[in-house]
PDB file of N, CA and C in Angstrom:
ATOM      1  N   MET A   1       0.744  -1.115  -0.004  1.00  0.00           N
ATOM      2  CA  MET A   1      -0.063  -0.121   0.012  1.00  0.00           C
ATOM      3  C   MET A   1       0.943   1.286  -0.084  1.00  0.00           C
ATOM      4  N   MET A   2       0.603   2.378  -0.790  1.00  0.00           N
ATOM      5  CA  MET A   2       1.408   3.486  -1.037  1.00  0.00           C
ATOM      6  C   MET A   2       0.775   4.281   0.046  1.00  0.00           C
ATOM      7  N   LYS A   3       1.445   5.121   0.461  1.00  0.00           N
ATOM      8  CA  LYS A   3       0.814   6.360   1.240  1.00  0.00           C
ATOM      9  C   LYS A   3       0.690   7.572   0.282  1.00  0.00           C
ATOM     10  N   ASP A   4       0.212   8.737   0.577  1.00  0.00           N
ATOM     11  CA  ASP A   4       0.162   9.603  -0.186  1.00  0.00           C
ATOM     12  C   ASP A   4       1.449  10.581   0.134  1.00  0.00           C
ATOM     13  N   ILE A   5       1.986  11.144  -0.669  1.00  0.00           N
ATOM     14  CA  ILE A   5       3.407  12.019  -0.238  1.00  0.00           C
ATOM     15  C   ILE A   5       3.107  13.585  -0.552  1.00  0.00           C
ATOM     16  N   ILE A   6       3.096  14.267   0.616  1.00  0.00           N
ATOM     17  CA  ILE A   6       3.023  15.697   0.516  1.00  0.00           C
ATOM     18  C   ILE A   6       4.501  16.206   0.278  1.00  0.00           C
ATOM     19  N   VAL A   7       4.421  16.818  -0.486  1.00  0.00           N
ATOM     20  CA  VAL A   7       5.841  17.760  -0.860  1.00  0.00           C
ATOM     21  C   VAL A   7       5.558  19.124  -0.378  1.00  0.00           C
ATOM     22  N   VAL A   8       6.106  19.622   0.589  1.00  0.00           N
ATOM     23  CA  VAL A   8       6.422  21.032   1.043  1.00  0.00           C
ATOM     24  C   VAL A   8       7.760  21.626   0.228  1.00  0.00           C
ATOM     25  N   ASN A   9       7.562  23.030  -0.358  1.00  0.00           N
ATOM     26  CA  ASN A   9       8.167  23.673  -0.883  1.00  0.00           C
ATOM     27  C   ASN A   9       8.277  25.370  -0.205  1.00  0.00           C
ATOM     28  N   THR A  10       8.972  25.859  -0.218  1.00  0.00           N
ATOM     29  CA  THR A  10       9.255  27.115   0.058  1.00  0.00           C
ATOM     30  C   THR A  10       9.241  27.978  -1.237  1.00  0.00           C
ATOM     31  N   ALA A  11       8.801  29.177  -1.021  1.00  0.00           N
ATOM     32  CA  ALA A  11       8.846  30.531  -2.041  1.00  0.00           C
ATOM     33  C   ALA A  11       9.043  31.949  -1.292  1.00  0.00           C
ATOM     34  N   VAL A  12      10.213  32.616  -2.242  1.00  0.00           N
ATOM     35  CA  VAL A  12      10.186  34.038  -1.372  1.00  0.00           C
ATOM     36  C   VAL A  12       9.255  34.612  -2.353  1.00  0.00           C
ATOM     37  N   VAL A  13       8.420  35.734  -2.327  1.00  0.00           N
ATOM     38  CA  VAL A  13       7.596  36.470  -2.764  1.00  0.00           C
ATOM     39  C   VAL A  13       8.191  37.836  -2.696  1.00  0.00           C
ATOM     40  N   PHE A  14       7.949  38.714  -3.632  1.00  0.00           N
ATOM     41  CA  PHE A  14       8.531  39.856  -3.568  1.00  0.00           C
ATOM     42  C   PHE A  14       7.091  40.590  -4.142  1.00  0.00           C
ATOM     43  N   LEU A  15       6.630  41.785  -3.202  1.00  0.00           N
ATOM     44  CA  LEU A  15       5.423  42.406  -3.800  1.00  0.00           C
ATOM     45  C   LEU A  15       5.809  44.179  -3.337  1.00  0.00           C
ATOM     46  N   LYS A  16       5.247  44.875  -4.761  1.00  0.00           N
ATOM     47  CA  LYS A  16       5.737  46.085  -4.581  1.00  0.00           C
ATOM     48  C   LYS A  16       3.883  46.543  -4.424  1.00  0.00           C
ATOM     49  N   LEU A  17       4.001  47.683  -3.505  1.00  0.00           N
ATOM     50  CA  LEU A  17       2.394  48.374  -3.283  1.00  0.00           C
ATOM     51  C   LEU A  17       2.718  50.037  -3.319  1.00  0.00           C
ATOM     52  N   LYS A  18       1.723  50.657  -3.989  1.00  0.00           N
ATOM     53  CA  LYS A  18       1.742  51.991  -4.202  1.00  0.00           C
ATOM     54  C   LYS A  18       0.518  52.649  -3.803  1.00  0.00           C
ATOM     55  N   GLN A  19      -0.198  52.268  -2.927  1.00  0.00           N
ATOM     56  CA  GLN A  19      -1.709  52.605  -2.697  1.00  0.00           C
ATOM     57  C   GLN A  19      -1.957  52.084  -1.299  1.00  0.00           C
ATOM     58  N   ASP A  20      -3.007  52.546  -0.530  1.00  0.00           N
ATOM     59  CA  ASP A  20      -3.336  51.933   0.385  1.00  0.00           C
ATOM     60  C   ASP A  20      -4.334  50.583   0.382  1.00  0.00           C
ATOM     61  N   LYS A  21      -3.975  49.527   1.663  1.00  0.00           N
ATOM     62  CA  LYS A  21      -4.355  48.344   0.886  1.00  0.00           C
ATOM     63  C   LYS A  21      -4.510  47.481   2.207  1.00  0.00           C
ATOM     64  N   GLU A  22      -5.598  46.675   2.388  1.00  0.00           N
ATOM     65  CA  GLU A  22      -5.536  45.444   3.249  1.00  0.00           C
ATOM     66  C   GLU A  22      -5.070  44.666   2.695  1.00  0.00           C
ATOM     67  N   ILE A  23      -4.130  43.467   3.274  1.00  0.00           N
ATOM     68  CA  ILE A  23      -3.851  42.367   2.568  1.00  0.00           C
ATOM     69  C   ILE A  23      -3.329  41.300   3.760  1.00  0.00           C
ATOM     70  N   SER A  24      -3.720  39.614   3.507  1.00  0.00           N
ATOM     71  CA  SER A  24      -3.143  38.796   4.359  1.00  0.00           C
ATOM     72  C   SER A  24      -2.548  37.847   3.524  1.00  0.00           C
ATOM     73  N   PHE A  25      -1.656  37.036   4.023  1.00  0.00           N
ATOM     74  CA  PHE A  25      -0.808  36.029   3.976  1.00  0.00           C
ATOM     75  C   PHE A  25      -1.013  34.752   4.756  1.00  0.00           C
ATOM     76  N   ASP A  26      -1.021  33.489   4.163  1.00  0.00           N
ATOM     77  CA  ASP A  26      -0.900  32.028   4.831  1.00  0.00           C
ATOM     78  C   ASP A  26       0.537  31.809   4.890  1.00  0.00           C
ATOM     79  N   ASN A  27       0.861  30.786   5.852  1.00  0.00           N
ATOM     80  CA  ASN A  27       2.025  29.855   5.777  1.00  0.00           C
ATOM     81  C   ASN A  27       3.289  30.806   5.756  1.00  0.00           C
ATOM     82  N   VAL A  28       3.385  31.892   6.264  1.00  0.00           N
ATOM     83  CA  VAL A  28       4.554  32.805   6.073  1.00  0.00           C
ATOM     84  C   VAL A  28       5.338  32.558   7.176  1.00  0.00           C
ATOM     85  N   THR A  29       6.978  32.350   6.681  1.00  0.00           N
ATOM     86  CA  THR A  29       7.978  31.988   7.876  1.00  0.00           C
ATOM     87  C   THR A  29       8.947  33.164   8.149  1.00  0.00           C
ATOM     88  N   THR A  30       8.406  33.936   7.136  1.00  0.00           N
ATOM     89  CA  THR A  30       9.340  35.501   7.533  1.00  0.00           C
ATOM     90  C   THR A  30       8.828  36.514   6.704  1.00  0.00           C
ATOM     91  N   LEU A  31       8.812  37.746   7.329  1.00  0.00           N
ATOM     92  CA  LEU A  31       7.886  38.867   6.312  1.00  0.00           C
ATOM     93  C   LEU A  31       8.883  40.446   6.549  1.00  0.00           C
ATOM     94  N   GLN A  32       9.352  40.780   5.409  1.00  0.00           N
ATOM     95  CA  GLN A  32      10.106  42.238   5.954  1.00  0.00           C
ATOM     96  C   GLN A  32       8.992  43.291   4.981  1.00  0.00           C
ATOM     97  N   VAL A  33       8.756  44.349   5.579  1.00  0.00           N
ATOM     98  CA  VAL A  33       8.362  45.703   4.642  1.00  0.00           C
ATOM     99  C   VAL A  33       9.645  46.792   4.807  1.00  0.00           C
ATOM    100  N   VAL A  34       9.687  47.048   3.281  1.00  0.00           N
ATOM    101  CA  VAL A  34      10.906  48.252   3.338  1.00  0.00           C
ATOM    102  C   VAL A  34      10.154  49.228   2.618  1.00  0.00           C
ATOM    103  N   ASN A  35      10.039  50.392   2.979  1.00  0.00           N
ATOM    104  CA  ASN A  35       9.399  51.706   2.462  1.00  0.00           C
ATOM    105  C   ASN A  35      10.392  52.465   1.399  1.00  0.00           C
ATOM    106  N   SER A  36      10.308  52.100   0.379  1.00  0.00           N
ATOM    107  CA  SER A  36      11.096  52.818  -0.930  1.00  0.00           C
ATOM    108  C   SER A  36      10.832  54.018  -1.283  1.00  0.00           C
ATOM    109  N   GLY A  37       9.827  54.463  -0.990  1.00  0.00           N
ATOM    110  CA  GLY A  37       9.432  55.969  -1.593  1.00  0.00           C
ATOM    111  C   GLY A  37       9.726  56.796  -0.444  1.00  0.00           C
ATOM    112  N   PHE A  38       8.794  57.967  -0.902  1.00  0.00           N
ATOM    113  CA  PHE A  38       9.503  59.525  -0.047  1.00  0.00           C
ATOM    114  C   PHE A  38       8.606  60.019   1.086  1.00  0.00           C
ATOM    115  N   VAL A  39       7.304  59.113   1.034  1.00  0.00           N
ATOM    116  CA  VAL A  39       5.897  59.278   1.827  1.00  0.00           C
ATOM    117  C   VAL A  39       6.274  58.377   3.125  1.00  0.00           C
ATOM    118  N   SER A  40       6.017  58.395   4.736  1.00  0.00           N
ATOM    119  CA  SER A  40       6.185  57.692   5.574  1.00  0.00           C
ATOM    120  C   SER A  40       4.592  56.605   5.326  1.00  0.00           C
ATOM    121  N   VAL A  41       4.814  55.440   5.881  1.00  0.00           N
ATOM    122  CA  VAL A  41       3.906  54.588   5.487  1.00  0.00           C
ATOM    123  C   VAL A  41       3.579  53.637   6.837  1.00  0.00           C
ATOM    124  N   PHE A  42       2.318  53.646   7.321  1.00  0.00           N
ATOM    125  CA  PHE A  42       1.791  53.111   8.625  1.00  0.00           C
ATOM    126  C   PHE A  42       1.305  51.739   7.959  1.00  0.00           C
ATOM    127  N   VAL A  43       2.102  50.663   8.707  1.00  0.00           N
ATOM    128  CA  VAL A  43       1.821  49.018   8.545  1.00  0.00           C
ATOM    129  C   VAL A  43       1.313  48.209   9.928  1.00  0.00           C
ATOM    130  N   ASN A  44      -0.096  48.318  10.009  1.00  0.00           N
ATOM    131  CA  ASN A  44      -0.335  47.821  11.313  1.00  0.00           C
ATOM    132  C   ASN A  44      -0.290  48.844  12.451  1.00  0.00           C
ATOM    133  N   ASP A  45      -0.224  50.076  12.097  1.00  0.00           N
ATOM    134  CA  ASP A  45       0.131  50.989  13.124  1.00  0.00           C
ATOM    135  C   ASP A  45       1.539  51.075  13.476  1.00  0.00           C
ATOM    136  N   PHE A  46       2.509  50.581  12.921  1.00  0.00           N
ATOM    137  CA  PHE A  46       3.653  50.893  12.989  1.00  0.00           C
ATOM    138  C   PHE A  46       4.061  52.127  11.848  1.00  0.00           C
ATOM    139  N   GLU A  47       4.890  53.028  12.186  1.00  0.00           N
ATOM    140  CA  GLU A  47       5.337  53.797  11.452  1.00  0.00           C
ATOM    141  C   GLU A  47       6.858  53.646  10.509  1.00  0.00           C
ATOM    142  N   ILE A  48       6.664  53.454   9.110  1.00  0.00           N
ATOM    143  CA  ILE A  48       7.902  53.095   8.773  1.00  0.00           C
ATOM    144  C   ILE A  48       8.448  54.456   7.903  1.00  0.00           C
ATOM    145  N   ALA A  49       9.641  55.157   8.332  1.00  0.00           N
ATOM    146  CA  ALA A  49       9.858  56.385   7.468  1.00  0.00           C
ATOM    147  C   ALA A  49      10.759  56.112   6.134  1.00  0.00           C
ATOM    148  N   SER A  50      10.548  56.987   5.165  1.00  0.00           N
ATOM    149  CA  SER A  50      11.216  56.657   3.872  1.00  0.00           C
ATOM    150  C   SER A  50      12.446  56.072   4.326  1.00  0.00           C
ATOM    151  N   LYS A  51      13.110  55.128   3.342  1.00  0.00           N
ATOM    152  CA  LYS A  51      14.369  54.297   3.250  1.00  0.00           C
ATOM    153  C   LYS A  51      14.543  53.671   4.568  1.00  0.00           C
ATOM    154  N   GLU A  52      13.492  53.315   5.443  1.00  0.00           N
ATOM    155  CA  GLU A  52      13.424  52.166   6.636  1.00  0.00           C
ATOM    156  C   GLU A  52      12.900  51.111   6.297  1.00  0.00           C
ATOM    157  N   LYS A  53      13.086  50.084   7.165  1.00  0.00           N
ATOM    158  CA  LYS A  53      12.875  48.608   6.864  1.00  0.00           C
ATOM    159  C   LYS A  53      12.235  48.027   8.351  1.00  0.00           C
ATOM    160  N   ILE A  54      11.327  47.078   8.448  1.00  0.00           N
ATOM    161  CA  ILE A  54      10.664  46.456   9.620  1.00  0.00           C
ATOM    162  C   ILE A  54      10.634  44.854   9.310  1.00  0.00           C
ATOM    163  N   THR A  55      11.174  44.364  10.270  1.00  0.00           N
ATOM    164  CA  THR A  55      10.541  42.935   9.872  1.00  0.00           C
ATOM    165  C   THR A  55       9.658  42.495  10.910  1.00  0.00           C
ATOM    166  N   LEU A  56       8.541  42.144  10.280  1.00  0.00           N
ATOM    167  CA  LEU A  56       7.279  41.883  11.494  1.00  0.00           C
ATOM    168  C   LEU A  56       7.030  40.463  11.717  1.00  0.00           C
ATOM    169  N   VAL A  57       7.783  39.407  10.662  1.00  0.00           N
ATOM    170  CA  VAL A  57       7.809  38.028  10.971  1.00  0.00           C
ATOM    171  C   VAL A  57       9.099  37.580  11.135  1.00  0.00           C
ATOM    172  N   PRO A  58       9.972  37.318  12.374  1.00  0.00           N
ATOM    173  CA  PRO A  58      11.467  36.917  12.357  1.00  0.00           C
ATOM    174  C   PRO A  58      11.162  35.348  11.801  1.00  0.00           C
ATOM    175  N   PRO A  59      12.441  35.313  11.081  1.00  0.00           N
ATOM    176  CA  PRO A  59      12.890  33.691  10.678  1.00  0.00           C
ATOM    177  C   PRO A  59      12.897  32.742  11.795  1.00  0.00           C
ATOM    178  N   ASP A  60      12.126  32.540  12.757  1.00  0.00           N
ATOM    179  CA  ASP A  60      12.524  31.597  13.891  1.00  0.00           C
ATOM    180  C   ASP A  60      11.944  30.063  13.593  1.00  0.00           C
ATOM    181  N   GLY A  61      11.272  29.564  12.665  1.00  0.00           N
ATOM    182  CA  GLY A  61      11.182  28.276  12.264  1.00  0.00           C
ATOM    183  C   GLY A  61       9.468  28.035  12.385  1.00  0.00           C
ATOM    184  N   THR A  62       8.799  29.056  12.684  1.00  0.00           N
ATOM    185  CA  THR A  62       7.567  28.807  12.926  1.00  0.00           C
ATOM    186  C   THR A  62       6.591  29.445  11.503  1.00  0.00           C
ATOM    187  N   THR A  63       5.437  29.037  11.208  1.00  0.00           N
ATOM    188  CA  THR A  63       4.540  29.739  10.155  1.00  0.00           C
ATOM    189  C   THR A  63       3.654  30.791  10.839  1.00  0.00           C
ATOM    190  N   SER A  64       3.031  31.523  10.127  1.00  0.00           N
ATOM    191  CA  SER A  64       2.318  32.209  10.704  1.00  0.00           C
ATOM    192  C   SER A  64       1.234  32.771   9.694  1.00  0.00           C
ATOM    193  N   LYS A  65       0.016  33.324  10.136  1.00  0.00           N
ATOM    194  CA  LYS A  65      -1.111  33.902   8.991  1.00  0.00           C
ATOM    195  C   LYS A  65      -1.078  35.603   9.587  1.00  0.00           C
ATOM    196  N   VAL A  66      -0.528  36.347   8.357  1.00  0.00           N
ATOM    197  CA  VAL A  66       0.001  37.768   8.808  1.00  0.00           C
ATOM    198  C   VAL A  66      -1.551  38.602   7.797  1.00  0.00           C
ATOM    199  N   GLU A  67      -1.948  39.479   8.465  1.00  0.00           N
ATOM    200  CA  GLU A  67      -2.718  40.382   7.930  1.00  0.00           C
ATOM    201  C   GLU A  67      -2.075  41.861   8.472  1.00  0.00           C
ATOM    202  N   LEU A  68      -2.213  42.454   7.173  1.00  0.00           N
ATOM    203  CA  LEU A  68      -1.573  43.807   6.969  1.00  0.00           C
ATOM    204  C   LEU A  68      -2.845  44.641   6.602  1.00  0.00           C
ATOM    205  N   ASN A  69      -2.209  46.373   7.297  1.00  0.00           N
ATOM    206  CA  ASN A  69      -3.315  47.112   7.015  1.00  0.00           C
ATOM    207  C   ASN A  69      -2.098  48.372   6.763  1.00  0.00           C
ATOM    208  N   ILE A  70      -2.156  48.309   5.349  1.00  0.00           N
ATOM    209  CA  ILE A  70      -1.149  49.519   4.705  1.00  0.00           C
ATOM    210  C   ILE A  70      -1.729  50.645   4.453  1.00  0.00           C
ATOM    211  N   ARG A  71      -1.242  51.957   5.216  1.00  0.00           N
ATOM    212  CA  ARG A  71      -1.974  53.288   4.995  1.00  0.00           C
ATOM    213  C   ARG A  71      -0.838  54.180   4.738  1.00  0.00           C
ATOM    214  N   PHE A  72      -0.695  54.836   3.819  1.00  0.00           N
ATOM    215  CA  PHE A  72       0.324  56.012   3.408  1.00  0.00           C
ATOM    216  C   PHE A  72      -0.132  57.256   4.191  1.00  0.00           C
ATOM    217  N   ALA A  73       0.748  58.068   4.569  1.00  0.00           N
ATOM    218  CA  ALA A  73       0.834  59.318   5.377  1.00  0.00           C
ATOM    219  C   ALA A  73       0.585  60.385   4.338  1.00  0.00           C
ATOM    220  N   THR A  74      -0.107  61.424   4.657  1.00  0.00           N
ATOM    221  CA  THR A  74      -0.647  62.710   3.731  1.00  0.00           C
ATOM    222  C   THR A  74       0.937  63.304   3.391  1.00  0.00           C
ATOM    223  N   ASP A  75       0.933  63.691   2.213  1.00  0.00           N
ATOM    224  CA  ASP A  75       2.076  64.119   1.523  1.00  0.00           C
ATOM    225  C   ASP A  75       2.677  65.141   2.754  1.00  0.00           C
ATOM    226  N   THR A  76       3.923  65.351   2.890  1.00  0.00           N
ATOM    227  CA  THR A  76       4.708  66.043   3.689  1.00  0.00           C
ATOM    228  C   THR A  76       5.349  67.466   2.614  1.00  0.00           C
ATOM    229  N   ASP A  77       6.097  68.024   3.505  1.00  0.00           N
ATOM    230  CA  ASP A  77       6.767  68.959   2.669  1.00  0.00           C
ATOM    231  C   ASP A  77       7.836  68.431   1.828  1.00  0.00           C
ATOM    232  N   ALA A  78       8.697  67.769   2.176  1.00  0.00           N
ATOM    233  CA  ALA A  78       9.695  66.669   1.506  1.00  0.00           C
ATOM    234  C   ALA A  78       9.079  65.972   0.355  1.00  0.00           C
ATOM    235  N   ALA A  79       7.909  65.226   0.768  1.00  0.00           N
ATOM    236  CA  ALA A  79       7.014  64.735  -0.707  1.00  0.00           C
ATOM    237  C   ALA A  79       6.612  65.780  -1.524  1.00  0.00           C
ATOM    238  N   GLN A  80       6.340  66.827  -1.293  1.00  0.00           N
ATOM    239  CA  GLN A  80       5.792  67.662  -2.189  1.00  0.00           C
ATOM    240  C   GLN A  80       6.690  68.566  -3.034  1.00  0.00           C
ATOM    241  N   GLU A  81       8.056  68.458  -2.660  1.00  0.00           N
ATOM    242  CA  GLU A  81       9.066  68.879  -3.584  1.00  0.00           C
ATOM    243  C   GLU A  81       9.123  67.685  -4.685  1.00  0.00           C
ATOM    244  N   PHE A  82       9.040  66.504  -4.525  1.00  0.00           N
ATOM    245  CA  PHE A  82       9.076  65.753  -5.545  1.00  0.00           C
ATOM    246  C   PHE A  82       7.684  65.396  -6.261  1.00  0.00           C
ATOM    247  N   SER A  83       6.515  66.242  -6.135  1.00  0.00           N
ATOM    248  CA  SER A  83       5.287  66.166  -6.612  1.00  0.00           C
ATOM    249  C   SER A  83       5.162  65.805  -7.850  1.00  0.00           C
ATOM    250  N   GLY A  84       6.128  66.434  -8.698  1.00  0.00           N
ATOM    251  CA  GLY A  84       6.167  66.770 -10.121  1.00  0.00           C
ATOM    252  C   GLY A  84       6.781  65.099 -10.572  1.00  0.00           C
ATOM    253  N   PHE A  85       7.160  64.371 -10.075  1.00  0.00           N
ATOM    254  CA  PHE A  85       7.526  63.271 -10.452  1.00  0.00           C
ATOM    255  C   PHE A  85       6.323  61.781  -9.930  1.00  0.00           C
ATOM    256  N   THR A  86       6.452  61.039 -10.777  1.00  0.00           N
ATOM    257  CA  THR A  86       5.350  60.178 -10.313  1.00  0.00           C
ATOM    258  C   THR A  86       6.211  58.525 -10.198  1.00  0.00           C
ATOM    259  N   TRP A  87       7.435  58.670  -9.782  1.00  0.00           N
ATOM    260  CA  TRP A  87       8.090  57.324  -9.804  1.00  0.00           C
ATOM    261  C   TRP A  87       8.445  57.887  -7.964  1.00  0.00           C
ATOM    262  N   ASN A  88       8.481  56.618  -7.570  1.00  0.00           N
ATOM    263  CA  ASN A  88       8.991  56.295  -5.853  1.00  0.00           C
ATOM    264  C   ASN A  88       8.505  57.419  -4.964  1.00  0.00           C
ATOM    265  N   LYS A  89       7.193  57.970  -5.067  1.00  0.00           N
ATOM    266  CA  LYS A  89       6.553  58.798  -3.925  1.00  0.00           C
ATOM    267  C   LYS A  89       5.909  58.193  -2.869  1.00  0.00           C
ATOM    268  N   LYS A  90       4.990  56.954  -3.440  1.00  0.00           N
ATOM    269  CA  LYS A  90       4.152  55.911  -2.177  1.00  0.00           C
ATOM    270  C   LYS A  90       4.669  54.727  -2.909  1.00  0.00           C
ATOM    271  N   GLU A  91       5.633  54.132  -2.140  1.00  0.00           N
ATOM    272  CA  GLU A  91       5.853  52.881  -2.503  1.00  0.00           C
ATOM    273  C   GLU A  91       6.438  52.137  -1.402  1.00  0.00           C
ATOM    274  N   ILE A  92       5.830  50.698  -1.137  1.00  0.00           N
ATOM    275  CA  ILE A  92       6.972  49.856  -0.379  1.00  0.00           C
ATOM    276  C   ILE A  92       6.876  48.636  -1.022  1.00  0.00           C
ATOM    277  N   ASP A  93       7.785  47.680  -0.151  1.00  0.00           N
ATOM    278  CA  ASP A  93       8.054  46.566  -1.000  1.00  0.00           C
ATOM    279  C   ASP A  93       8.204  45.404   0.542  1.00  0.00           C
ATOM    280  N   ILE A  94       6.926  44.539   0.036  1.00  0.00           N
ATOM    281  CA  ILE A  94       6.802  43.408   0.935  1.00  0.00           C
ATOM    282  C   ILE A  94       7.572  42.079   0.338  1.00  0.00           C
ATOM    283  N   ILE A  95       8.759  41.753   1.394  1.00  0.00           N
ATOM    284  CA  ILE A  95       9.689  40.480   1.044  1.00  0.00           C
ATOM    285  C   ILE A  95       9.100  39.388   2.153  1.00  0.00           C
ATOM    286  N   TYR A  96       8.549  38.384   1.537  1.00  0.00           N
ATOM    287  CA  TYR A  96       8.276  37.340   2.714  1.00  0.00           C
ATOM    288  C   TYR A  96       8.637  35.969   2.180  1.00  0.00           C
ATOM    289  N   LYS A  97       8.512  35.074   3.057  1.00  0.00           N
ATOM    290  CA  LYS A  97       8.785  33.526   2.099  1.00  0.00           C
ATOM    291  C   LYS A  97       7.420  32.715   2.990  1.00  0.00           C
ATOM    292  N   LYS A  98       7.316  31.741   2.085  1.00  0.00           N
ATOM    293  CA  LYS A  98       5.843  31.204   2.601  1.00  0.00           C
ATOM    294  C   LYS A  98       6.028  29.529   2.374  1.00  0.00           C
ATOM    295  N   PHE A  99       5.295  28.671   3.282  1.00  0.00           N
ATOM    296  CA  PHE A  99       5.357  27.256   2.767  1.00  0.00           C
ATOM    297  C   PHE A  99       4.136  26.961   1.571  1.00  0.00           C
ATOM    298  N   ILE A 100       4.693  26.374   0.737  1.00  0.00           N
ATOM    299  CA  ILE A 100       3.436  25.944  -0.359  1.00  0.00           C
ATOM    300  C   ILE A 100       3.537  24.294  -0.586  1.00  0.00           C
ATOM    301  N   LYS A 101       2.330  24.131  -0.139  1.00  0.00           N
ATOM    302  CA  LYS A 101       2.168  22.248   0.276  1.00  0.00           C
ATOM    303  C   LYS A 101       1.512  21.651  -1.242  1.00  0.00           C
ATOM    304  N   CYS A 102       2.109  21.098  -1.980  1.00  0.00           N
ATOM    305  CA  CYS A 102       1.774  20.337  -2.832  1.00  0.00           C
ATOM    306  C   CYS A 102       1.207  19.284  -3.093  1.00  0.00           C
TER     307      CYS A 102
END
């Protein structure tokens, strides 16, 4: 008699967001948010300034379900200097690793 074989793979996912959004992820082993824009962003009430990063799920060997509430701050004086440009004004990168069962 043959038993079912479950293959577990991992995947690294890169996600770029440029607007407010609520999003959730399952089976996450690590998650980091990088603010690559000029405007501060609030992720689950944590403020991330421009060019800062935060690790929300450390790689400790467990899996988590993560729900993110992403809100960009209103334009500041520094951001208004770049208002003529469309690049890189409001932008965050979410990098996470998750388990995928096949």
